Amino acid sequence: MRKVYSRLTEKSKVAVPKLVRDTLGLSSGDRIRFRVTKQLVIVEKADQMDADDPFSAFSEWASDADEKAYADL
């Protein structure tokens, strides 16, 4: 297992390291899912309309303009 690091910004954003992006086949706009247990957080590539995501029904509000407008929330 390799370890890679990233840093959390003041707005709680984090860059996904290249090794992780390459391993998961991620590119700009892809969705990721976090599975959380008491001792572990697993990052996975998520389907565009992941059934586990209760907000996936609101995809019409997921434009670039919406992302920019609500970036500070």
C-alpha atoms as a PDB file:
ATOM      1  CA  MET A   1       0.000   0.000   0.000  1.00  0.00           C
ATOM      2  CA  ARG A   2       1.337   3.415  -1.002  1.00  0.00           C
ATOM      3  CA  LYS A   3       0.617   6.549   1.010  1.00  0.00           C
ATOM      4  CA  VAL A   4      -0.079   9.924  -0.578  1.00  0.00           C
ATOM      5  CA  TYR A   5      -0.953  13.178   1.104  1.00  0.00           C
ATOM      6  CA  SER A   6      -2.997  16.273   0.395  1.00  0.00           C
ATOM      7  CA  ARG A   7      -3.918  19.339   2.398  1.00  0.00           C
ATOM      8  CA  LEU A   8      -7.335  20.670   3.427  1.00  0.00           C
ATOM      9  CA  THR A   9      -7.936  24.325   2.490  1.00  0.00           C
ATOM     10  CA  GLU A  10      -9.654  26.941   4.641  1.00  0.00           C
ATOM     11  CA  LYS A  11     -12.897  26.159   2.781  1.00  0.00           C
ATOM     12  CA  SER A  12     -12.548  22.419   3.534  1.00  0.00           C
ATOM     13  CA  LYS A  13     -11.557  21.568  -0.043  1.00  0.00           C
ATOM     14  CA  VAL A  14      -8.892  19.021  -0.856  1.00  0.00           C
ATOM     15  CA  ALA A  15      -7.014  18.153  -4.042  1.00  0.00           C
ATOM     16  CA  VAL A  16      -7.193  14.489  -5.001  1.00  0.00           C
ATOM     17  CA  PRO A  17      -3.590  13.321  -5.490  1.00  0.00           C
ATOM     18  CA  LYS A  18      -2.573  12.152  -8.980  1.00  0.00           C
ATOM     19  CA  LEU A  19      -1.924   8.578  -7.803  1.00  0.00           C
ATOM     20  CA  VAL A  20      -5.519   8.376  -6.503  1.00  0.00           C
ATOM     21  CA  ARG A  21      -6.975   9.966  -9.671  1.00  0.00           C
ATOM     22  CA  ASP A  22      -5.010   7.566 -11.871  1.00  0.00           C
ATOM     23  CA  THR A  23      -5.888   4.528  -9.747  1.00  0.00           C
ATOM     24  CA  LEU A  24      -9.624   5.317  -9.814  1.00  0.00           C
ATOM     25  CA  GLY A  25      -9.621   6.594 -13.399  1.00  0.00           C
ATOM     26  CA  LEU A  26     -10.917   9.997 -12.305  1.00  0.00           C
ATOM     27  CA  SER A  27     -11.124  13.077 -14.472  1.00  0.00           C
ATOM     28  CA  SER A  28     -12.617  16.534 -14.071  1.00  0.00           C
ATOM     29  CA  GLY A  29     -16.338  16.419 -13.252  1.00  0.00           C
ATOM     30  CA  ASP A  30     -16.315  12.809 -12.032  1.00  0.00           C
ATOM     31  CA  ARG A  31     -18.137  12.075  -8.795  1.00  0.00           C
ATOM     32  CA  ILE A  32     -16.479  10.389  -5.839  1.00  0.00           C
ATOM     33  CA  ARG A  33     -18.115   8.640  -2.912  1.00  0.00           C
ATOM     34  CA  PHE A  34     -16.825   8.392   0.652  1.00  0.00           C
ATOM     35  CA  ARG A  35     -17.669   5.300   2.694  1.00  0.00           C
ATOM     36  CA  VAL A  36     -17.056   6.023   6.355  1.00  0.00           C
ATOM     37  CA  THR A  37     -16.609   3.599   9.229  1.00  0.00           C
ATOM     38  CA  LYS A  38     -15.297   4.244  12.726  1.00  0.00           C
ATOM     39  CA  GLN A  39     -11.726   3.495  11.688  1.00  0.00           C
ATOM     40  CA  LEU A  40     -11.581   3.997   7.931  1.00  0.00           C
ATOM     41  CA  VAL A  41     -12.671   6.251   5.086  1.00  0.00           C
ATOM     42  CA  ILE A  42     -12.796   4.693   1.622  1.00  0.00           C
ATOM     43  CA  VAL A  43     -12.790   6.886  -1.490  1.00  0.00           C
ATOM     44  CA  GLU A  44     -14.428   5.375  -4.581  1.00  0.00           C
ATOM     45  CA  LYS A  45     -15.366   6.533  -8.043  1.00  0.00           C
ATOM     46  CA  ALA A  46     -19.153   6.925  -8.009  1.00  0.00           C
ATOM     47  CA  ASP A  47     -21.641   6.480 -10.798  1.00  0.00           C
ATOM     48  CA  GLN A  48     -23.048   9.736 -12.146  1.00  0.00           C
ATOM     49  CA  MET A  49     -26.453   8.930 -10.675  1.00  0.00           C
ATOM     50  CA  ASP A  50     -25.399   6.937  -7.625  1.00  0.00           C
ATOM     51  CA  ALA A  51     -28.479   5.453  -5.979  1.00  0.00           C
ATOM     52  CA  ASP A  52     -26.921   5.983  -2.531  1.00  0.00           C
ATOM     53  CA  ASP A  53     -26.833   9.761  -3.075  1.00  0.00           C
ATOM     54  CA  PRO A  54     -30.125  11.335  -1.934  1.00  0.00           C
ATOM     55  CA  PHE A  55     -29.281  14.511  -3.869  1.00  0.00           C
ATOM     56  CA  SER A  56     -28.868  12.740  -7.211  1.00  0.00           C
ATOM     57  CA  ALA A  57     -32.537  13.470  -7.945  1.00  0.00           C
ATOM     58  CA  PHE A  58     -31.633  17.165  -8.113  1.00  0.00           C
ATOM     59  CA  SER A  59     -29.145  16.840 -10.970  1.00  0.00           C
ATOM     60  CA  GLU A  60     -30.820  19.725 -12.822  1.00  0.00           C
ATOM     61  CA  TRP A  61     -29.208  22.001 -10.229  1.00  0.00           C
ATOM     62  CA  ALA A  62     -25.707  20.687 -10.845  1.00  0.00           C
ATOM     63  CA  SER A  63     -24.564  23.105 -13.549  1.00  0.00           C
ATOM     64  CA  ASP A  64     -21.245  24.960 -13.441  1.00  0.00           C
ATOM     65  CA  ALA A  65     -23.158  28.150 -12.643  1.00  0.00           C
ATOM     66  CA  ASP A  66     -24.832  26.484  -9.648  1.00  0.00           C
ATOM     67  CA  GLU A  67     -21.503  25.103  -8.409  1.00  0.00           C
ATOM     68  CA  LYS A  68     -19.991  28.594  -8.589  1.00  0.00           C
ATOM     69  CA  ALA A  69     -22.990  30.266  -6.932  1.00  0.00           C
ATOM     70  CA  TYR A  70     -23.017  27.868  -3.975  1.00  0.00           C
ATOM     71  CA  ALA A  71     -19.261  27.312  -3.634  1.00  0.00           C
ATOM     72  CA  ASP A  72     -19.085  29.099  -0.267  1.00  0.00           C
ATOM     73  CA  LEU A  73     -21.784  27.041   1.442  1.00  0.00           C
END
